[in-house]
Amino acid sequence: MNGIWKRFSLAAIALLAAACTTLGAIEQGRSTRAEVRSRMGIPTDIRFQPDGREVWEYAKGPSGRQTYMVTFDKNGIATTARQVLTDETVAQIVRGTSTKRDVRALLGKPADVEFFASGEVWDYNMEEVPKRPYILVVRFRADGVVEDVGRVMETTGDDLFNLFMRAR
């Protein structure tokens, strides 16, 4: 009986490992397009750069808090693979200079888009460490240039519990 459970457990672990789509499975400088596709699935977007590079986007939204981008060289080899919904990437957005195209290239597809007479607002679901969810809000002027970038903290179960307890 122990042998059967041991084999079952090993098989379950192998299946779980195969189901995970992490960037750790991509070897920068070695993994090919075919290998990335078999490990990560079909990208949510593919962009072609003027210098021959391809950027594959894996947006895990609209409720997900990760967007992965994998860049391939002219020969189809992965040169970079990273999670782009980070404070470091957001810091590259320049108010009054960055455009919708720039933000899309940096952060990928937004979780939500709202249209106003004055311009658009793009929302990205993000997360602080430790696991504090928030929405990154990027507001564009009518000409498509970034007007403002800000955060809206999301309410968690703990926040609601504390509000309830204070109200008693």
Protein backbone atom coordinates (compact mmCIF):
# COMPACT_ATOMS: atom_id res chain seq x y z
CA MET A 1 0.00 0.00 0.00
CA ASN A 2 2.83 2.42 0.79
CA GLY A 3 4.27 1.94 -2.69
CA ILE A 4 0.96 2.84 -4.34
CA TRP A 5 0.56 6.04 -2.27
CA LYS A 6 4.17 6.98 -2.90
CA ARG A 7 3.72 6.60 -6.67
CA PHE A 8 0.41 8.46 -6.54
CA SER A 9 2.00 11.33 -4.58
CA LEU A 10 4.93 11.58 -6.99
CA ALA A 11 2.56 11.61 -9.97
CA ALA A 12 0.41 14.33 -8.35
CA ILE A 13 3.48 16.46 -7.66
CA ALA A 14 4.66 16.05 -11.26
CA LEU A 15 1.24 17.08 -12.60
CA LEU A 16 1.12 20.13 -10.36
CA ALA A 17 4.61 21.16 -11.42
CA ALA A 18 3.69 20.80 -15.08
CA ALA A 19 0.56 22.90 -14.60
CA CYS A 20 2.45 25.86 -13.13
CA THR A 21 3.38 28.60 -15.56
CA THR A 22 6.27 30.40 -13.97
CA LEU A 23 9.10 32.37 -15.43
CA GLY A 24 11.53 30.04 -13.68
CA ALA A 25 10.85 27.53 -16.44
CA ILE A 26 12.26 29.96 -19.02
CA GLU A 27 16.02 30.02 -19.45
CA GLN A 28 17.11 33.44 -20.68
CA GLY A 29 19.52 33.04 -23.56
CA ARG A 30 18.43 29.44 -24.22
CA SER A 31 14.65 28.91 -24.32
CA THR A 32 13.06 29.03 -27.76
CA ARG A 33 9.65 30.38 -28.77
CA ALA A 34 8.32 26.82 -28.99
CA GLU A 35 9.57 25.98 -25.49
CA VAL A 36 8.06 29.14 -24.00
CA ARG A 37 4.74 28.48 -25.71
CA SER A 38 4.66 24.90 -24.44
CA ARG A 39 5.41 26.08 -20.87
CA MET A 40 3.41 29.32 -20.71
CA GLY A 41 0.67 28.74 -23.30
CA ILE A 42 -0.59 31.16 -25.91
CA PRO A 43 0.41 34.78 -25.18
CA THR A 44 -2.30 37.38 -24.69
CA ASP A 45 -0.42 39.70 -27.06
CA ILE A 46 2.61 39.64 -29.35
CA ARG A 47 4.40 42.84 -30.36
CA PHE A 48 7.10 43.14 -33.01
CA GLN A 49 9.92 45.62 -32.47
CA PRO A 50 11.63 47.51 -35.34
CA ASP A 51 14.94 45.78 -34.55
CA GLY A 52 13.44 42.30 -35.11
CA ARG A 53 12.74 41.41 -31.47
CA GLU A 54 9.37 39.97 -30.41
CA VAL A 55 7.70 40.67 -27.09
CA TRP A 56 5.18 38.12 -25.84
CA GLU A 57 2.79 39.30 -23.14
CA TYR A 58 1.06 37.00 -20.68
CA ALA A 59 -1.53 39.13 -18.87
CA LYS A 60 -3.07 37.20 -15.99
CA GLY A 61 -5.92 39.70 -15.60
CA PRO A 62 -8.41 41.08 -15.35
CA SER A 63 -8.32 39.99 -11.71
CA GLY A 64 -4.76 38.69 -11.76
CA ARG A 65 -1.90 40.77 -10.42
CA GLN A 66 0.85 39.57 -12.72
CA THR A 67 1.72 40.32 -16.31
CA TYR A 68 4.73 38.50 -17.69
CA MET A 69 6.68 39.67 -20.72
CA VAL A 70 9.13 37.53 -22.62
CA THR A 71 11.39 39.14 -25.22
CA PHE A 72 12.90 37.06 -28.04
CA ASP A 73 15.84 38.01 -30.25
CA LYS A 74 15.82 37.74 -34.07
CA ASN A 75 16.67 34.04 -33.77
CA GLY A 76 13.69 33.27 -31.53
CA ILE A 77 15.68 32.86 -28.29
CA ALA A 78 14.29 34.35 -25.05
CA THR A 79 16.56 37.20 -23.94
CA THR A 80 14.44 38.51 -21.05
CA ALA A 81 11.49 37.18 -19.06
CA ARG A 82 9.99 39.23 -16.24
CA GLN A 83 6.91 40.18 -14.28
CA VAL A 84 6.20 43.81 -15.24
CA LEU A 85 3.56 44.89 -12.73
CA THR A 86 6.16 46.20 -10.29
CA ASP A 87 6.99 49.53 -8.67
CA GLU A 88 10.23 49.65 -10.67
CA THR A 89 8.34 49.45 -13.96
CA VAL A 90 5.71 51.98 -12.85
CA ALA A 91 8.53 54.40 -11.95
CA GLN A 92 9.43 54.52 -15.67
CA ILE A 93 6.13 56.25 -16.51
CA VAL A 94 6.79 59.99 -16.89
CA ARG A 95 3.89 62.40 -16.38
CA GLY A 96 3.54 64.78 -19.30
CA THR A 97 5.83 62.67 -21.51
CA SER A 98 4.83 58.99 -21.57
CA THR A 99 2.09 57.99 -24.01
CA LYS A 100 -0.51 55.22 -24.09
CA ARG A 101 1.85 53.26 -26.31
CA ASP A 102 4.68 53.66 -23.77
CA VAL A 103 2.50 52.52 -20.86
CA ARG A 104 1.18 49.55 -22.85
CA ALA A 105 4.75 48.52 -23.67
CA LEU A 106 5.80 48.84 -20.01
CA LEU A 107 2.82 47.31 -18.18
CA GLY A 108 0.89 45.37 -20.78
CA LYS A 109 -2.86 45.22 -21.14
CA PRO A 110 -4.80 47.12 -18.45
CA ALA A 111 -7.37 45.30 -16.32
CA ASP A 112 -9.93 48.03 -17.04
CA VAL A 113 -10.25 51.07 -19.31
CA GLU A 114 -12.62 53.97 -18.76
CA PHE A 115 -13.34 56.72 -21.30
CA PHE A 116 -14.03 60.34 -20.41
CA ALA A 117 -14.28 63.55 -22.45
CA SER A 118 -10.94 64.62 -20.98
CA GLY A 119 -9.18 61.34 -21.86
CA GLU A 120 -8.84 57.72 -20.72
CA VAL A 121 -8.12 56.03 -17.42
CA TRP A 122 -6.35 52.66 -17.33
CA ASP A 123 -6.43 50.45 -14.24
CA TYR A 124 -3.91 47.75 -13.34
CA ASN A 125 -4.39 45.32 -10.44
CA MET A 126 -1.18 45.29 -8.44
CA GLU A 127 0.09 44.22 -5.05
CA GLU A 128 2.43 45.62 -2.43
CA VAL A 129 4.57 43.36 -0.35
CA PRO A 130 3.28 41.92 1.89
CA LYS A 131 0.22 41.08 -0.23
CA ARG A 132 -1.59 44.42 0.04
CA PRO A 133 -3.76 44.74 -3.11
CA TYR A 134 -4.19 48.07 -4.87
CA ILE A 135 -5.21 49.45 -8.23
CA LEU A 136 -2.70 51.45 -10.20
CA VAL A 137 -4.57 54.21 -12.02
CA VAL A 138 -3.01 55.85 -15.09
CA ARG A 139 -4.92 58.87 -16.39
CA PHE A 140 -4.28 60.10 -19.94
CA ARG A 141 -5.08 63.47 -21.45
CA ALA A 142 -7.18 63.62 -24.64
CA ASP A 143 -3.93 63.66 -26.67
CA GLY A 144 -2.88 60.28 -25.16
CA VAL A 145 -0.12 61.60 -22.89
CA VAL A 146 0.00 60.58 -19.20
CA GLU A 147 -1.62 63.21 -17.01
CA ASP A 148 -1.34 61.41 -13.68
CA VAL A 149 -0.43 58.09 -12.03
CA GLY A 150 -1.77 57.04 -8.65
CA ARG A 151 -2.81 54.19 -6.36
CA VAL A 152 -6.15 53.24 -4.90
CA MET A 153 -5.82 50.77 -2.03
CA GLU A 154 -8.31 47.91 -2.13
CA THR A 155 -10.31 46.91 0.91
CA THR A 156 -9.38 43.50 2.30
CA GLY A 157 -11.34 41.16 4.55
CA ASP A 158 -9.25 42.33 7.51
CA ASP A 159 -10.14 45.96 6.74
CA LEU A 160 -13.86 45.16 6.69
CA PHE A 161 -13.59 43.20 9.94
CA ASN A 162 -11.81 46.09 11.67
CA LEU A 163 -14.41 48.59 10.41
CA PHE A 164 -17.17 46.33 11.69
CA MET A 165 -15.53 45.96 15.11
CA ARG A 166 -15.01 49.74 15.46
CA ALA A 167 -18.64 50.41 14.55
CA ARG A 168 -19.89 48.20 17.41
